[in-house]
N, C-alpha and C. Protein backbone atom coordinates (compact mmCIF):
# COMPACT_ATOMS: atom_id res chain seq x y z
N MET A 1 -54.49 -37.74 -3.45
CA MET A 1 -54.73 -38.09 -2.06
C MET A 1 -53.68 -39.07 -1.56
N ARG A 2 -53.30 -40.02 -2.39
CA ARG A 2 -52.33 -41.02 -1.99
C ARG A 2 -50.96 -40.38 -1.76
N ALA A 3 -50.59 -39.41 -2.61
CA ALA A 3 -49.31 -38.73 -2.47
C ALA A 3 -49.27 -37.92 -1.17
N GLU A 4 -50.39 -37.31 -0.82
CA GLU A 4 -50.43 -36.52 0.41
C GLU A 4 -50.26 -37.42 1.63
N ASN A 5 -50.88 -38.61 1.60
CA ASN A 5 -50.72 -39.55 2.71
C ASN A 5 -49.27 -40.03 2.81
N TYR A 6 -48.66 -40.28 1.67
CA TYR A 6 -47.26 -40.72 1.66
C TYR A 6 -46.36 -39.63 2.26
N ILE A 7 -46.61 -38.38 1.89
CA ILE A 7 -45.81 -37.26 2.41
C ILE A 7 -46.03 -37.11 3.91
N ASP A 8 -47.29 -37.21 4.35
CA ASP A 8 -47.58 -37.09 5.79
C ASP A 8 -46.92 -38.21 6.59
N ASP A 9 -46.95 -39.44 6.07
CA ASP A 9 -46.30 -40.56 6.74
C ASP A 9 -44.79 -40.35 6.83
N PHE A 10 -44.20 -39.85 5.76
CA PHE A 10 -42.76 -39.60 5.74
C PHE A 10 -42.38 -38.55 6.79
N ILE A 11 -43.17 -37.47 6.86
CA ILE A 11 -42.89 -36.40 7.83
C ILE A 11 -43.04 -36.92 9.26
N ARG A 12 -44.07 -37.69 9.51
CA ARG A 12 -44.24 -38.27 10.85
C ARG A 12 -43.08 -39.19 11.21
N GLY A 13 -42.64 -39.97 10.25
CA GLY A 13 -41.50 -40.86 10.49
C GLY A 13 -40.23 -40.09 10.80
N GLU A 14 -40.00 -38.98 10.10
CA GLU A 14 -38.82 -38.15 10.35
C GLU A 14 -38.89 -37.48 11.72
N LYS A 15 -40.08 -37.13 12.16
CA LYS A 15 -40.23 -36.49 13.47
C LYS A 15 -39.93 -37.47 14.60
N HIS A 16 -40.18 -38.74 14.39
CA HIS A 16 -39.98 -39.73 15.43
C HIS A 16 -38.60 -40.38 15.37
N THR A 17 -37.73 -39.94 14.51
CA THR A 17 -36.38 -40.50 14.41
C THR A 17 -35.58 -40.07 15.64
N GLU A 18 -34.93 -41.05 16.26
CA GLU A 18 -34.12 -40.77 17.45
C GLU A 18 -32.78 -40.16 17.01
N PRO A 19 -32.37 -39.06 17.66
CA PRO A 19 -31.06 -38.47 17.32
C PRO A 19 -29.92 -39.33 17.85
N ASN A 20 -28.81 -39.29 17.16
CA ASN A 20 -27.63 -40.03 17.57
C ASN A 20 -26.97 -39.28 18.72
N PRO A 21 -26.79 -39.91 19.89
CA PRO A 21 -26.22 -39.20 21.05
C PRO A 21 -24.73 -38.88 20.87
N PHE A 22 -24.05 -39.57 19.98
CA PHE A 22 -22.62 -39.36 19.79
C PHE A 22 -22.31 -38.42 18.62
N LEU A 23 -23.34 -37.88 17.99
CA LEU A 23 -23.13 -37.01 16.84
C LEU A 23 -22.37 -35.74 17.22
N SER A 24 -22.75 -35.11 18.32
CA SER A 24 -22.08 -33.86 18.72
C SER A 24 -20.62 -34.12 19.08
N THR A 25 -20.34 -35.27 19.69
CA THR A 25 -18.96 -35.62 20.03
C THR A 25 -18.12 -35.79 18.78
N ARG A 26 -18.67 -36.46 17.77
CA ARG A 26 -17.93 -36.65 16.52
C ARG A 26 -17.70 -35.32 15.80
N ILE A 27 -18.70 -34.43 15.84
CA ILE A 27 -18.56 -33.13 15.18
C ILE A 27 -17.47 -32.30 15.86
N VAL A 28 -17.48 -32.26 17.19
CA VAL A 28 -16.45 -31.51 17.92
C VAL A 28 -15.07 -32.09 17.67
N ALA A 29 -14.95 -33.41 17.63
CA ALA A 29 -13.65 -34.04 17.36
C ALA A 29 -13.16 -33.69 15.96
N GLU A 30 -14.06 -33.66 15.00
CA GLU A 30 -13.68 -33.32 13.62
C GLU A 30 -13.24 -31.85 13.52
N ILE A 31 -13.93 -30.96 14.23
CA ILE A 31 -13.55 -29.54 14.23
C ILE A 31 -12.16 -29.37 14.86
N GLU A 32 -11.90 -30.05 15.97
CA GLU A 32 -10.59 -29.95 16.61
C GLU A 32 -9.49 -30.51 15.71
N LYS A 33 -9.80 -31.58 14.98
CA LYS A 33 -8.81 -32.15 14.07
C LYS A 33 -8.50 -31.17 12.93
N MET A 34 -9.53 -30.48 12.44
CA MET A 34 -9.31 -29.51 11.37
C MET A 34 -8.50 -28.32 11.89
N GLN A 35 -8.75 -27.89 13.13
CA GLN A 35 -8.00 -26.78 13.69
C GLN A 35 -6.53 -27.16 13.90
N GLN A 36 -6.27 -28.37 14.30
CA GLN A 36 -4.89 -28.82 14.47
C GLN A 36 -4.17 -28.88 13.14
N ALA A 37 -4.88 -29.23 12.08
CA ALA A 37 -4.26 -29.32 10.76
C ALA A 37 -3.95 -27.93 10.21
N GLU A 38 -4.72 -26.91 10.63
CA GLU A 38 -4.51 -25.55 10.14
C GLU A 38 -3.31 -24.89 10.79
N ILE A 39 -2.93 -25.30 11.98
CA ILE A 39 -1.81 -24.67 12.68
C ILE A 39 -0.51 -25.17 12.06
N LYS A 40 0.23 -24.23 11.47
CA LYS A 40 1.50 -24.58 10.84
C LYS A 40 2.57 -23.66 11.37
N LYS A 41 3.79 -24.12 11.30
CA LYS A 41 4.90 -23.26 11.68
C LYS A 41 5.31 -22.45 10.46
N VAL A 42 5.65 -21.19 10.71
CA VAL A 42 6.09 -20.31 9.63
C VAL A 42 7.57 -20.56 9.40
N THR A 43 7.92 -20.83 8.16
CA THR A 43 9.32 -21.10 7.84
C THR A 43 10.04 -19.79 7.52
N TRP A 44 11.37 -19.86 7.45
CA TRP A 44 12.17 -18.65 7.23
C TRP A 44 11.94 -18.08 5.84
N TRP A 45 11.70 -18.93 4.84
CA TRP A 45 11.52 -18.39 3.49
C TRP A 45 10.18 -17.68 3.35
N GLN A 46 9.17 -18.08 4.13
CA GLN A 46 7.90 -17.38 4.11
C GLN A 46 8.04 -15.97 4.69
N ILE A 47 8.87 -15.84 5.73
CA ILE A 47 9.12 -14.53 6.31
C ILE A 47 9.87 -13.65 5.32
N VAL A 48 10.84 -14.23 4.62
CA VAL A 48 11.61 -13.47 3.63
C VAL A 48 10.71 -12.99 2.50
N VAL A 49 9.83 -13.85 2.01
CA VAL A 49 8.92 -13.46 0.94
C VAL A 49 7.96 -12.38 1.41
N PHE A 50 7.47 -12.48 2.63
CA PHE A 50 6.56 -11.48 3.17
C PHE A 50 7.24 -10.12 3.29
N VAL A 51 8.45 -10.09 3.81
CA VAL A 51 9.20 -8.84 3.94
C VAL A 51 9.51 -8.26 2.56
N ALA A 52 9.86 -9.11 1.60
CA ALA A 52 10.13 -8.63 0.24
C ALA A 52 8.88 -8.02 -0.39
N CYS A 53 7.74 -8.59 -0.13
CA CYS A 53 6.48 -8.03 -0.66
C CYS A 53 6.20 -6.66 -0.05
N ILE A 54 6.40 -6.52 1.24
CA ILE A 54 6.17 -5.24 1.91
C ILE A 54 7.13 -4.19 1.37
N VAL A 55 8.41 -4.53 1.23
CA VAL A 55 9.40 -3.58 0.70
C VAL A 55 9.05 -3.19 -0.72
N THR A 56 8.61 -4.15 -1.54
CA THR A 56 8.21 -3.84 -2.92
C THR A 56 7.02 -2.91 -2.95
N MET A 57 6.03 -3.14 -2.11
CA MET A 57 4.85 -2.27 -2.07
C MET A 57 5.21 -0.85 -1.65
N VAL A 58 6.08 -0.72 -0.66
CA VAL A 58 6.50 0.61 -0.23
C VAL A 58 7.26 1.32 -1.35
N PHE A 59 8.16 0.60 -2.01
CA PHE A 59 8.93 1.18 -3.12
C PHE A 59 8.01 1.63 -4.26
N LEU A 60 7.06 0.77 -4.62
CA LEU A 60 6.12 1.15 -5.70
C LEU A 60 5.25 2.33 -5.29
N GLY A 61 4.83 2.39 -4.04
CA GLY A 61 4.02 3.51 -3.58
C GLY A 61 4.78 4.82 -3.64
N ILE A 62 6.03 4.79 -3.22
CA ILE A 62 6.85 6.01 -3.28
C ILE A 62 7.10 6.41 -4.72
N THR A 63 7.38 5.44 -5.59
CA THR A 63 7.65 5.73 -7.00
C THR A 63 6.41 6.33 -7.68
N ILE A 64 5.26 5.74 -7.45
CA ILE A 64 4.03 6.27 -8.06
C ILE A 64 3.71 7.65 -7.50
N GLY A 65 3.92 7.86 -6.21
CA GLY A 65 3.67 9.16 -5.62
C GLY A 65 4.59 10.23 -6.19
N ASN A 66 5.86 9.90 -6.38
CA ASN A 66 6.79 10.87 -6.95
C ASN A 66 6.47 11.18 -8.40
N SER A 67 6.04 10.19 -9.17
CA SER A 67 5.71 10.46 -10.58
C SER A 67 4.45 11.31 -10.67
N TYR A 68 3.54 11.16 -9.75
CA TYR A 68 2.32 11.96 -9.74
C TYR A 68 2.64 13.41 -9.41
N ILE A 69 3.51 13.64 -8.47
CA ILE A 69 3.88 15.00 -8.08
C ILE A 69 4.60 15.70 -9.22
N SER A 70 5.45 15.01 -9.94
CA SER A 70 6.18 15.66 -11.03
C SER A 70 5.24 16.02 -12.18
N HIS A 71 4.17 15.28 -12.39
CA HIS A 71 3.22 15.59 -13.46
C HIS A 71 2.26 16.71 -13.07
N ILE A 72 2.05 16.92 -11.79
CA ILE A 72 1.14 17.98 -11.36
C ILE A 72 1.69 19.35 -11.73
N SER A 73 3.00 19.53 -11.60
CA SER A 73 3.58 20.84 -11.87
C SER A 73 3.51 21.19 -13.36
N GLN A 74 3.32 20.20 -14.25
CA GLN A 74 3.27 20.46 -15.68
C GLN A 74 1.85 20.61 -16.20
N GLU A 75 0.86 20.38 -15.39
CA GLU A 75 -0.52 20.46 -15.86
C GLU A 75 -1.00 21.90 -15.94
N ILE A 76 -1.96 22.13 -16.82
CA ILE A 76 -2.58 23.44 -16.97
C ILE A 76 -3.94 23.39 -16.28
N THR A 77 -4.20 24.37 -15.45
CA THR A 77 -5.48 24.41 -14.77
C THR A 77 -6.40 25.39 -15.48
N MET A 78 -7.68 25.13 -15.43
CA MET A 78 -8.67 25.99 -16.09
C MET A 78 -9.72 26.38 -15.07
N ASN A 79 -10.16 27.60 -15.16
CA ASN A 79 -11.23 28.09 -14.29
C ASN A 79 -12.46 28.30 -15.17
N ILE A 80 -13.49 27.54 -14.94
CA ILE A 80 -14.68 27.59 -15.78
C ILE A 80 -15.82 28.17 -14.96
N ASN A 81 -16.49 29.15 -15.52
CA ASN A 81 -17.67 29.73 -14.88
C ASN A 81 -18.88 28.95 -15.38
N ASP A 82 -19.50 28.17 -14.51
CA ASP A 82 -20.63 27.34 -14.93
C ASP A 82 -21.96 28.00 -14.61
N ASN A 83 -21.99 29.32 -14.56
CA ASN A 83 -23.22 30.04 -14.27
C ASN A 83 -24.27 29.78 -15.33
N GLU A 84 -23.86 29.71 -16.58
CA GLU A 84 -24.82 29.48 -17.66
C GLU A 84 -25.14 28.00 -17.84
N ILE A 85 -24.27 27.13 -17.39
CA ILE A 85 -24.51 25.70 -17.54
C ILE A 85 -25.63 25.25 -16.60
N GLU A 86 -25.56 25.68 -15.37
CA GLU A 86 -26.56 25.29 -14.39
C GLU A 86 -27.56 26.42 -14.23
N ASN A 87 -28.62 26.34 -14.94
CA ASN A 87 -29.65 27.36 -14.88
C ASN A 87 -30.63 26.97 -13.77
N LEU A 88 -30.34 27.42 -12.57
CA LEU A 88 -31.15 27.03 -11.42
C LEU A 88 -32.48 27.78 -11.37
N GLY A 89 -32.62 28.83 -12.15
CA GLY A 89 -33.89 29.54 -12.20
C GLY A 89 -35.01 28.67 -12.73
N TYR A 90 -34.68 27.70 -13.55
CA TYR A 90 -35.67 26.78 -14.11
C TYR A 90 -36.33 25.96 -13.01
N TYR A 91 -35.57 25.60 -11.99
CA TYR A 91 -36.10 24.77 -10.91
C TYR A 91 -36.86 25.58 -9.87
N SER A 92 -36.77 26.89 -9.92
CA SER A 92 -37.46 27.70 -8.93
C SER A 92 -38.84 28.16 -9.40
N LEU A 93 -39.26 27.72 -10.59
CA LEU A 93 -40.59 28.07 -11.07
C LEU A 93 -41.65 27.35 -10.24
N ASN A 94 -42.71 28.02 -9.90
CA ASN A 94 -43.76 27.42 -9.09
C ASN A 94 -44.62 26.46 -9.92
N ASN A 95 -44.73 26.69 -11.22
CA ASN A 95 -45.55 25.83 -12.05
C ASN A 95 -44.91 24.47 -12.31
N TYR A 96 -43.60 24.36 -12.14
CA TYR A 96 -42.89 23.13 -12.43
C TYR A 96 -42.67 22.34 -11.14
N GLU A 97 -43.72 21.80 -10.60
CA GLU A 97 -43.62 20.99 -9.37
C GLU A 97 -44.31 19.68 -9.55
């Protein structure tokens, strides 16, 4: 009983706490400061690295594509009749529902 009264008093006290009127102003100022810190100028070496990455990706894509095409012509294809593998007559029985 004593613990319940303590909890109820604590909740009532928290409900009657006055909010800080300057809290929203401080939060907005902090958000603006973080946004200003995130804005950076892109340097020339970052552009060079980005372009080099794009060129490397295109080169690797073309190389992998060409190696795949050359291996396709050497593969053997097989035609398998799966009529006996999938016995669908089993599923059409009326007793098996």
